[in-house]
Amino acid sequence: MDPGDPTGDPTTGERRCTGQDPLLLLQALQTLWSTRERQQLQEEAWQGFAALDNPLAGLLDMLESCRGQRGEGPSLEAWISRQLQCWLQAQPHPSPAQHSLRLKQLQARAIRVLTESPRSLVAPLTSIFQLQDADRSCLLVHVHRLHHEGRFREAVMLGTTLKLQPELDVEKMSVPLLLQDKVALVERYVAGFPDLQRRLLALMDSWCQPGFDIKDVASYRVTAAGAAASGEERLGLAAAQPSSPK
């Protein structure tokens, strides 16, 4: 069984199943998930993966069916993704060819899923679908989409995981997170890129210069209403801001 050879159209998710229906597998795993029987859950998952016509396409079918249903706390979808990652690594057959048409179609679906998924899915989906080798222009479109939607943390984490930093604007990606005091995340984003580190230091130095106004960076549209204000306080600038004339 070749995990890169889906049955049906991997672009649309249309299935012509001769093996197990991935949505039926998902239902079985949802039932076991609620019982906390982890050993039985893993056995059911691995047996289910082996029975799928195409485990990679089947995973995407399951994740797409869960859109809008994800809540707080541990995610079954992330657990299934990590289990499939482990299951694939344990199989004797090689991974699908990196540049095969079928893999590219699956990658396109996986990227769309990522933009609507929790952060816990980034690492396993990147590994399973070899997203680090996907069309970079497509990846960049989705990073920009996340940023435009105000999902700054997700945009930076996806860009970091896929090593897209050299092709992204470091100021645009970093400023909203710096204003929310997420310095460690920004440091990880520029780690290993000396030029980006220098540009980030220059940016932060400019914020310490006399006459700097936090309003100069307000156009980055931090989504949290208090983020800019809290950013002012952390920079020690709040008290220095003059009151706007009425």
C-alpha atoms as a PDB file:
ATOM      1  CA  MET A   1       0.000   0.000   0.000  1.00  0.00           C
ATOM      2  CA  ASP A   2       1.526   3.335  -1.063  1.00  0.00           C
ATOM      3  CA  PRO A   3       0.510   6.228   1.241  1.00  0.00           C
ATOM      4  CA  GLY A   4       1.162   8.655  -1.581  1.00  0.00           C
ATOM      5  CA  ASP A   5      -1.248   6.973  -3.979  1.00  0.00           C
ATOM      6  CA  PRO A   6      -4.732   8.081  -2.918  1.00  0.00           C
ATOM      7  CA  THR A   7      -7.900   6.513  -4.183  1.00  0.00           C
ATOM      8  CA  GLY A   8     -10.110   9.253  -5.559  1.00  0.00           C
ATOM      9  CA  ASP A   9      -9.244  12.908  -6.027  1.00  0.00           C
ATOM     10  CA  PRO A  10      -6.813  14.097  -3.316  1.00  0.00           C
ATOM     11  CA  THR A  11      -7.383  17.716  -4.277  1.00  0.00           C
ATOM     12  CA  THR A  12     -11.071  17.744  -3.477  1.00  0.00           C
ATOM     13  CA  GLY A  13     -11.121  14.973  -0.912  1.00  0.00           C
ATOM     14  CA  GLU A  14     -13.493  12.860  -3.010  1.00  0.00           C
ATOM     15  CA  ARG A  15     -13.192   9.233  -1.949  1.00  0.00           C
ATOM     16  CA  ARG A  16     -13.776   5.993  -3.793  1.00  0.00           C
ATOM     17  CA  CYS A  17     -13.180   3.688  -0.823  1.00  0.00           C
ATOM     18  CA  THR A  18     -12.535  -0.010  -1.121  1.00  0.00           C
ATOM     19  CA  GLY A  19     -10.972  -0.052   2.362  1.00  0.00           C
ATOM     20  CA  GLN A  20     -12.156   1.516   5.580  1.00  0.00           C
ATOM     21  CA  ASP A  21     -13.961   4.843   5.388  1.00  0.00           C
ATOM     22  CA  PRO A  22     -11.772   7.383   7.252  1.00  0.00           C
ATOM     23  CA  LEU A  23     -14.842   9.101   8.694  1.00  0.00           C
ATOM     24  CA  LEU A  24     -15.993   5.827  10.236  1.00  0.00           C
ATOM     25  CA  LEU A  25     -12.517   5.421  11.706  1.00  0.00           C
ATOM     26  CA  LEU A  26     -12.793   8.949  13.114  1.00  0.00           C
ATOM     27  CA  GLN A  27     -16.120   8.103  14.751  1.00  0.00           C
ATOM     28  CA  ALA A  28     -14.634   5.013  16.377  1.00  0.00           C
ATOM     29  CA  LEU A  29     -11.667   7.005  17.669  1.00  0.00           C
ATOM     30  CA  GLN A  30     -13.931   9.765  19.000  1.00  0.00           C
ATOM     31  CA  THR A  31     -15.813   7.193  21.054  1.00  0.00           C
ATOM     32  CA  LEU A  32     -12.609   5.742  22.511  1.00  0.00           C
ATOM     33  CA  TRP A  33     -11.151   9.219  23.090  1.00  0.00           C
ATOM     34  CA  SER A  34     -13.956   9.984  25.521  1.00  0.00           C
ATOM     35  CA  THR A  35     -13.176   6.832  27.533  1.00  0.00           C
ATOM     36  CA  ARG A  36      -9.473   7.719  27.990  1.00  0.00           C
ATOM     37  CA  GLU A  37      -8.492   4.149  27.086  1.00  0.00           C
ATOM     38  CA  ARG A  38      -5.259   5.201  25.422  1.00  0.00           C
ATOM     39  CA  GLN A  39      -3.840   1.740  24.704  1.00  0.00           C
ATOM     40  CA  GLN A  40      -7.036   0.615  23.013  1.00  0.00           C
ATOM     41  CA  LEU A  41      -7.237   3.950  21.229  1.00  0.00           C
ATOM     42  CA  GLN A  42      -3.753   3.526  19.756  1.00  0.00           C
ATOM     43  CA  GLU A  43      -4.433  -0.041  18.657  1.00  0.00           C
ATOM     44  CA  GLU A  44      -7.674   1.035  16.959  1.00  0.00           C
ATOM     45  CA  ALA A  45      -5.910   3.937  15.243  1.00  0.00           C
ATOM     46  CA  TRP A  46      -3.029   1.853  13.876  1.00  0.00           C
ATOM     47  CA  GLN A  47      -5.340  -0.898  12.679  1.00  0.00           C
ATOM     48  CA  GLY A  48      -7.505   1.756  11.043  1.00  0.00           C
ATOM     49  CA  PHE A  49      -4.557   3.389   9.283  1.00  0.00           C
ATOM     50  CA  ALA A  50      -3.576   0.007   7.832  1.00  0.00           C
ATOM     51  CA  ALA A  51      -7.130  -0.521   6.542  1.00  0.00           C
ATOM     52  CA  LEU A  52      -7.366   2.834   4.760  1.00  0.00           C
ATOM     53  CA  ASP A  53      -6.883   2.941   1.003  1.00  0.00           C
ATOM     54  CA  ASN A  54      -4.691   5.981   1.483  1.00  0.00           C
ATOM     55  CA  PRO A  55      -3.772   7.051   5.022  1.00  0.00           C
ATOM     56  CA  LEU A  56      -2.555  10.527   4.024  1.00  0.00           C
ATOM     57  CA  ALA A  57      -5.725  11.439   2.155  1.00  0.00           C
ATOM     58  CA  GLY A  58      -7.740   9.735   4.911  1.00  0.00           C
ATOM     59  CA  LEU A  59      -6.145  11.950   7.561  1.00  0.00           C
ATOM     60  CA  LEU A  60      -7.108  15.050   5.599  1.00  0.00           C
ATOM     61  CA  ASP A  61     -10.668  13.751   5.238  1.00  0.00           C
ATOM     62  CA  MET A  62     -10.852  13.380   9.020  1.00  0.00           C
ATOM     63  CA  LEU A  63      -9.358  16.796   9.750  1.00  0.00           C
ATOM     64  CA  GLU A  64     -11.573  18.547   7.206  1.00  0.00           C
ATOM     65  CA  SER A  65     -14.657  16.950   8.735  1.00  0.00           C
ATOM     66  CA  CYS A  66     -13.727  18.402  12.141  1.00  0.00           C
ATOM     67  CA  ARG A  67     -13.621  22.047  11.042  1.00  0.00           C
ATOM     68  CA  GLY A  68     -15.366  24.297  13.514  1.00  0.00           C
ATOM     69  CA  GLN A  69     -15.600  21.547  16.146  1.00  0.00           C
ATOM     70  CA  ARG A  70     -12.269  22.059  17.892  1.00  0.00           C
ATOM     71  CA  GLY A  71     -12.436  23.306  21.454  1.00  0.00           C
ATOM     72  CA  GLU A  72      -9.989  23.884  24.261  1.00  0.00           C
ATOM     73  CA  GLY A  73      -7.809  21.198  25.767  1.00  0.00           C
ATOM     74  CA  PRO A  74      -6.102  18.178  24.177  1.00  0.00           C
ATOM     75  CA  SER A  75      -7.094  17.663  20.574  1.00  0.00           C
ATOM     76  CA  LEU A  76      -8.036  14.280  19.154  1.00  0.00           C
ATOM     77  CA  GLU A  77      -7.167  15.568  15.699  1.00  0.00           C
ATOM     78  CA  ALA A  78      -3.618  16.425  16.789  1.00  0.00           C
ATOM     79  CA  TRP A  79      -3.303  13.032  18.497  1.00  0.00           C
ATOM     80  CA  ILE A  80      -4.446  11.219  15.338  1.00  0.00           C
ATOM     81  CA  SER A  81      -1.965  13.229  13.259  1.00  0.00           C
ATOM     82  CA  ARG A  82       0.930  12.351  15.572  1.00  0.00           C
ATOM     83  CA  GLN A  83      -0.096   8.699  15.612  1.00  0.00           C
ATOM     84  CA  LEU A  84      -0.198   8.579  11.817  1.00  0.00           C
ATOM     85  CA  GLN A  85       3.232  10.191  11.738  1.00  0.00           C
ATOM     86  CA  CYS A  86       4.544   7.411  14.001  1.00  0.00           C
ATOM     87  CA  TRP A  87       2.709   4.728  12.019  1.00  0.00           C
ATOM     88  CA  LEU A  88       4.189   5.929   8.725  1.00  0.00           C
ATOM     89  CA  GLN A  89       7.689   5.941  10.205  1.00  0.00           C
ATOM     90  CA  ALA A  90       7.195   2.313  11.268  1.00  0.00           C
ATOM     91  CA  GLN A  91       6.211   1.151   7.775  1.00  0.00           C
ATOM     92  CA  PRO A  92       8.750  -0.666   5.586  1.00  0.00           C
ATOM     93  CA  HIS A  93       7.850   1.163   2.380  1.00  0.00           C
ATOM     94  CA  PRO A  94       9.416   4.541   1.504  1.00  0.00           C
ATOM     95  CA  SER A  95       7.601   7.860   1.584  1.00  0.00           C
ATOM     96  CA  PRO A  96       6.028   9.111  -1.656  1.00  0.00           C
ATOM     97  CA  ALA A  97       8.277  10.908  -4.096  1.00  0.00           C
ATOM     98  CA  GLN A  98       8.766  14.498  -2.985  1.00  0.00           C
ATOM     99  CA  HIS A  99       7.737  16.069  -6.274  1.00  0.00           C
ATOM    100  CA  SER A 100       5.030  13.685  -7.389  1.00  0.00           C
ATOM    101  CA  LEU A 101       1.793  15.238  -8.596  1.00  0.00           C
ATOM    102  CA  ARG A 102      -0.231  13.320  -6.038  1.00  0.00           C
ATOM    103  CA  LEU A 103       1.921  14.518  -3.161  1.00  0.00           C
ATOM    104  CA  LYS A 104       1.630  18.116  -4.376  1.00  0.00           C
ATOM    105  CA  GLN A 105      -2.151  17.777  -4.404  1.00  0.00           C
ATOM    106  CA  LEU A 106      -2.104  16.408  -0.879  1.00  0.00           C
ATOM    107  CA  GLN A 107       0.234  19.194   0.219  1.00  0.00           C
ATOM    108  CA  ALA A 108      -2.178  21.814  -1.107  1.00  0.00           C
ATOM    109  CA  ARG A 109      -4.991  20.276   0.943  1.00  0.00           C
ATOM    110  CA  ALA A 110      -2.773  19.990   4.028  1.00  0.00           C
ATOM    111  CA  ILE A 111      -1.819  23.666   3.848  1.00  0.00           C
ATOM    112  CA  ARG A 112      -5.476  24.676   3.670  1.00  0.00           C
ATOM    113  CA  VAL A 113      -6.193  22.513   6.711  1.00  0.00           C
ATOM    114  CA  LEU A 114      -3.304  24.107   8.614  1.00  0.00           C
ATOM    115  CA  THR A 115      -4.659  27.621   8.174  1.00  0.00           C
ATOM    116  CA  GLU A 116      -7.819  26.590  10.053  1.00  0.00           C
ATOM    117  CA  SER A 117      -6.190  24.328  12.631  1.00  0.00           C
ATOM    118  CA  PRO A 118      -4.644  24.682  16.097  1.00  0.00           C
ATOM    119  CA  ARG A 119      -0.878  25.057  16.446  1.00  0.00           C
ATOM    120  CA  SER A 120      -0.564  21.453  17.625  1.00  0.00           C
ATOM    121  CA  LEU A 121      -1.135  20.240  14.052  1.00  0.00           C
ATOM    122  CA  VAL A 122       1.713  22.221  12.475  1.00  0.00           C
ATOM    123  CA  ALA A 123       4.597  19.869  13.298  1.00  0.00           C
ATOM    124  CA  PRO A 124       2.944  16.525  12.459  1.00  0.00           C
ATOM    125  CA  LEU A 125       1.361  17.758   9.217  1.00  0.00           C
ATOM    126  CA  THR A 126       4.629  19.349   8.127  1.00  0.00           C
ATOM    127  CA  SER A 127       6.372  16.006   8.611  1.00  0.00           C
ATOM    128  CA  ILE A 128       3.648  13.785   7.133  1.00  0.00           C
ATOM    129  CA  PHE A 129       3.151  15.872   3.987  1.00  0.00           C
ATOM    130  CA  GLN A 130       6.766  17.054   3.608  1.00  0.00           C
ATOM    131  CA  LEU A 131       5.556  20.639   3.605  1.00  0.00           C
ATOM    132  CA  GLN A 132       9.092  21.956   3.934  1.00  0.00           C
ATOM    133  CA  ASP A 133       9.507  20.812   0.312  1.00  0.00           C
ATOM    134  CA  ALA A 134       6.166  22.143  -0.962  1.00  0.00           C
ATOM    135  CA  ASP A 135       5.731  25.043  -3.389  1.00  0.00           C
ATOM    136  CA  ARG A 136       7.031  27.997  -1.377  1.00  0.00           C
ATOM    137  CA  SER A 137       4.790  30.507  -3.104  1.00  0.00           C
ATOM    138  CA  CYS A 138       1.770  28.513  -1.942  1.00  0.00           C
ATOM    139  CA  LEU A 139       3.141  28.320   1.599  1.00  0.00           C
ATOM    140  CA  LEU A 140       3.782  32.066   1.678  1.00  0.00           C
ATOM    141  CA  VAL A 141       0.218  32.793   0.577  1.00  0.00           C
ATOM    142  CA  HIS A 142      -1.112  30.929   3.591  1.00  0.00           C
ATOM    143  CA  VAL A 143       1.317  32.582   6.027  1.00  0.00           C
ATOM    144  CA  HIS A 144       0.214  35.982   4.721  1.00  0.00           C
ATOM    145  CA  ARG A 145      -3.410  34.925   5.078  1.00  0.00           C
ATOM    146  CA  LEU A 146      -2.917  34.003   8.727  1.00  0.00           C
ATOM    147  CA  HIS A 147      -1.206  37.320   9.373  1.00  0.00           C
ATOM    148  CA  HIS A 148      -3.945  39.269   7.589  1.00  0.00           C
ATOM    149  CA  GLU A 149      -6.544  37.525   9.771  1.00  0.00           C
ATOM    150  CA  GLY A 150      -4.704  38.678  12.883  1.00  0.00           C
ATOM    151  CA  ARG A 151      -3.413  35.212  13.718  1.00  0.00           C
ATOM    152  CA  PHE A 152       0.110  36.536  14.215  1.00  0.00           C
ATOM    153  CA  ARG A 153       1.385  33.733  16.440  1.00  0.00           C
ATOM    154  CA  GLU A 154       0.187  31.050  14.029  1.00  0.00           C
ATOM    155  CA  ALA A 155       1.718  32.907  11.075  1.00  0.00           C
ATOM    156  CA  VAL A 156       5.114  33.157  12.763  1.00  0.00           C
ATOM    157  CA  MET A 157       5.070  29.530  13.927  1.00  0.00           C
ATOM    158  CA  LEU A 158       4.165  28.256  10.468  1.00  0.00           C
ATOM    159  CA  GLY A 159       6.826  30.455   8.883  1.00  0.00           C
ATOM    160  CA  THR A 160       9.393  29.204  11.398  1.00  0.00           C
ATOM    161  CA  THR A 161       8.505  25.533  10.952  1.00  0.00           C
ATOM    162  CA  LEU A 162       8.683  25.798   7.161  1.00  0.00           C
ATOM    163  CA  LYS A 163      11.819  28.019   7.250  1.00  0.00           C
ATOM    164  CA  LEU A 164      10.180  30.801   5.265  1.00  0.00           C
ATOM    165  CA  GLN A 165      11.764  33.638   7.248  1.00  0.00           C
ATOM    166  CA  PRO A 166      14.079  34.936   4.477  1.00  0.00           C
ATOM    167  CA  GLU A 167      11.052  35.458   2.218  1.00  0.00           C
ATOM    168  CA  LEU A 168       8.931  37.248   4.820  1.00  0.00           C
ATOM    169  CA  ASP A 169       9.128  40.816   6.138  1.00  0.00           C
ATOM    170  CA  VAL A 170      10.737  40.472   9.575  1.00  0.00           C
ATOM    171  CA  GLU A 171       9.243  43.747  10.846  1.00  0.00           C
ATOM    172  CA  LYS A 172       5.744  42.884   9.675  1.00  0.00           C
ATOM    173  CA  MET A 173       5.941  39.440  11.267  1.00  0.00           C
ATOM    174  CA  SER A 174       7.600  40.538  14.516  1.00  0.00           C
ATOM    175  CA  VAL A 175       6.009  43.839  15.563  1.00  0.00           C
ATOM    176  CA  PRO A 176       2.549  42.493  16.559  1.00  0.00           C
ATOM    177  CA  LEU A 177       4.178  39.818  18.714  1.00  0.00           C
ATOM    178  CA  LEU A 178       6.630  42.242  20.316  1.00  0.00           C
ATOM    179  CA  LEU A 179       3.717  44.490  21.271  1.00  0.00           C
ATOM    180  CA  GLN A 180       2.136  41.460  22.946  1.00  0.00           C
ATOM    181  CA  ASP A 181       5.370  40.699  24.830  1.00  0.00           C
ATOM    182  CA  LYS A 182       5.992  37.461  22.899  1.00  0.00           C
ATOM    183  CA  VAL A 183       9.713  38.157  22.600  1.00  0.00           C
ATOM    184  CA  ALA A 184      10.768  34.511  22.955  1.00  0.00           C
ATOM    185  CA  LEU A 185       8.653  33.543  19.947  1.00  0.00           C
ATOM    186  CA  VAL A 186      10.228  36.312  17.869  1.00  0.00           C
ATOM    187  CA  GLU A 187      13.708  35.231  18.970  1.00  0.00           C
ATOM    188  CA  ARG A 188      12.987  31.693  17.759  1.00  0.00           C
ATOM    189  CA  TYR A 189      11.705  33.146  14.501  1.00  0.00           C
ATOM    190  CA  VAL A 190      15.020  34.888  13.708  1.00  0.00           C
ATOM    191  CA  ALA A 191      17.285  32.191  15.195  1.00  0.00           C
ATOM    192  CA  GLY A 192      19.832  31.032  12.618  1.00  0.00           C
ATOM    193  CA  PHE A 193      19.348  34.084  10.406  1.00  0.00           C
ATOM    194  CA  PRO A 194      22.009  36.691  11.311  1.00  0.00           C
ATOM    195  CA  ASP A 195      20.691  39.278   8.851  1.00  0.00           C
ATOM    196  CA  LEU A 196      17.182  39.041  10.296  1.00  0.00           C
ATOM    197  CA  GLN A 197      18.616  39.232  13.819  1.00  0.00           C
ATOM    198  CA  ARG A 198      20.453  42.446  12.945  1.00  0.00           C
ATOM    199  CA  ARG A 199      17.317  43.946  11.437  1.00  0.00           C
ATOM    200  CA  LEU A 200      15.283  42.989  14.491  1.00  0.00           C
ATOM    201  CA  LEU A 201      17.853  44.540  16.843  1.00  0.00           C
ATOM    202  CA  ALA A 202      17.879  47.703  14.745  1.00  0.00           C
ATOM    203  CA  LEU A 203      14.091  47.845  14.952  1.00  0.00           C
ATOM    204  CA  MET A 204      14.061  47.430  18.726  1.00  0.00           C
ATOM    205  CA  ASP A 205      16.857  49.972  19.123  1.00  0.00           C
ATOM    206  CA  SER A 206      14.788  52.468  17.153  1.00  0.00           C
ATOM    207  CA  TRP A 207      12.006  52.039  19.689  1.00  0.00           C
ATOM    208  CA  CYS A 208      14.364  53.252  22.424  1.00  0.00           C
ATOM    209  CA  GLN A 209      15.296  56.483  20.663  1.00  0.00           C
ATOM    210  CA  PRO A 210      14.038  59.840  21.951  1.00  0.00           C
ATOM    211  CA  GLY A 211      10.873  60.925  20.245  1.00  0.00           C
ATOM    212  CA  PHE A 212       9.704  57.421  19.377  1.00  0.00           C
ATOM    213  CA  ASP A 213       5.915  57.186  19.235  1.00  0.00           C
ATOM    214  CA  ILE A 214       4.200  53.825  19.636  1.00  0.00           C
ATOM    215  CA  LYS A 215       1.580  55.053  17.170  1.00  0.00           C
ATOM    216  CA  ASP A 216       4.213  54.670  14.460  1.00  0.00           C
ATOM    217  CA  VAL A 217       3.630  50.924  14.542  1.00  0.00           C
ATOM    218  CA  ALA A 218      -0.120  50.970  15.130  1.00  0.00           C
ATOM    219  CA  SER A 219      -0.754  50.076  11.497  1.00  0.00           C
ATOM    220  CA  TYR A 220       0.193  46.461  12.251  1.00  0.00           C
ATOM    221  CA  ARG A 221      -3.302  46.082  13.692  1.00  0.00           C
ATOM    222  CA  VAL A 222      -2.716  43.998  16.793  1.00  0.00           C
ATOM    223  CA  THR A 223      -5.986  42.209  17.306  1.00  0.00           C
ATOM    224  CA  ALA A 224      -6.180  42.311  21.079  1.00  0.00           C
ATOM    225  CA  ALA A 225      -7.624  45.671  22.038  1.00  0.00           C
ATOM    226  CA  GLY A 226      -5.191  46.139  24.911  1.00  0.00           C
ATOM    227  CA  ALA A 227      -2.089  44.826  23.184  1.00  0.00           C
ATOM    228  CA  ALA A 228      -0.817  48.191  21.976  1.00  0.00           C
ATOM    229  CA  ALA A 229      -1.429  49.765  25.369  1.00  0.00           C
ATOM    230  CA  SER A 230       0.342  46.932  27.161  1.00  0.00           C
ATOM    231  CA  GLY A 231       3.153  47.247  24.631  1.00  0.00           C
ATOM    232  CA  GLU A 232       3.527  50.895  25.566  1.00  0.00           C
ATOM    233  CA  GLU A 233       3.754  50.001  29.231  1.00  0.00           C
ATOM    234  CA  ARG A 234       6.356  47.299  28.666  1.00  0.00           C
ATOM    235  CA  LEU A 235       8.469  49.701  26.643  1.00  0.00           C
ATOM    236  CA  GLY A 236       8.192  52.309  29.398  1.00  0.00           C
ATOM    237  CA  LEU A 237       6.523  54.728  27.023  1.00  0.00           C
ATOM    238  CA  ALA A 238       2.991  54.975  28.333  1.00  0.00           C
ATOM    239  CA  ALA A 239       3.731  57.803  30.721  1.00  0.00           C
ATOM    240  CA  ALA A 240       5.592  59.734  28.060  1.00  0.00           C
ATOM    241  CA  GLN A 241       2.730  59.781  25.561  1.00  0.00           C
ATOM    242  CA  PRO A 242       1.039  63.204  25.421  1.00  0.00           C
ATOM    243  CA  SER A 243      -2.717  63.406  25.630  1.00  0.00           C
ATOM    244  CA  SER A 244      -4.424  63.913  22.299  1.00  0.00           C
ATOM    245  CA  PRO A 245      -6.138  67.301  21.982  1.00  0.00           C
ATOM    246  CA  LYS A 246      -9.889  67.136  22.022  1.00  0.00           C
END
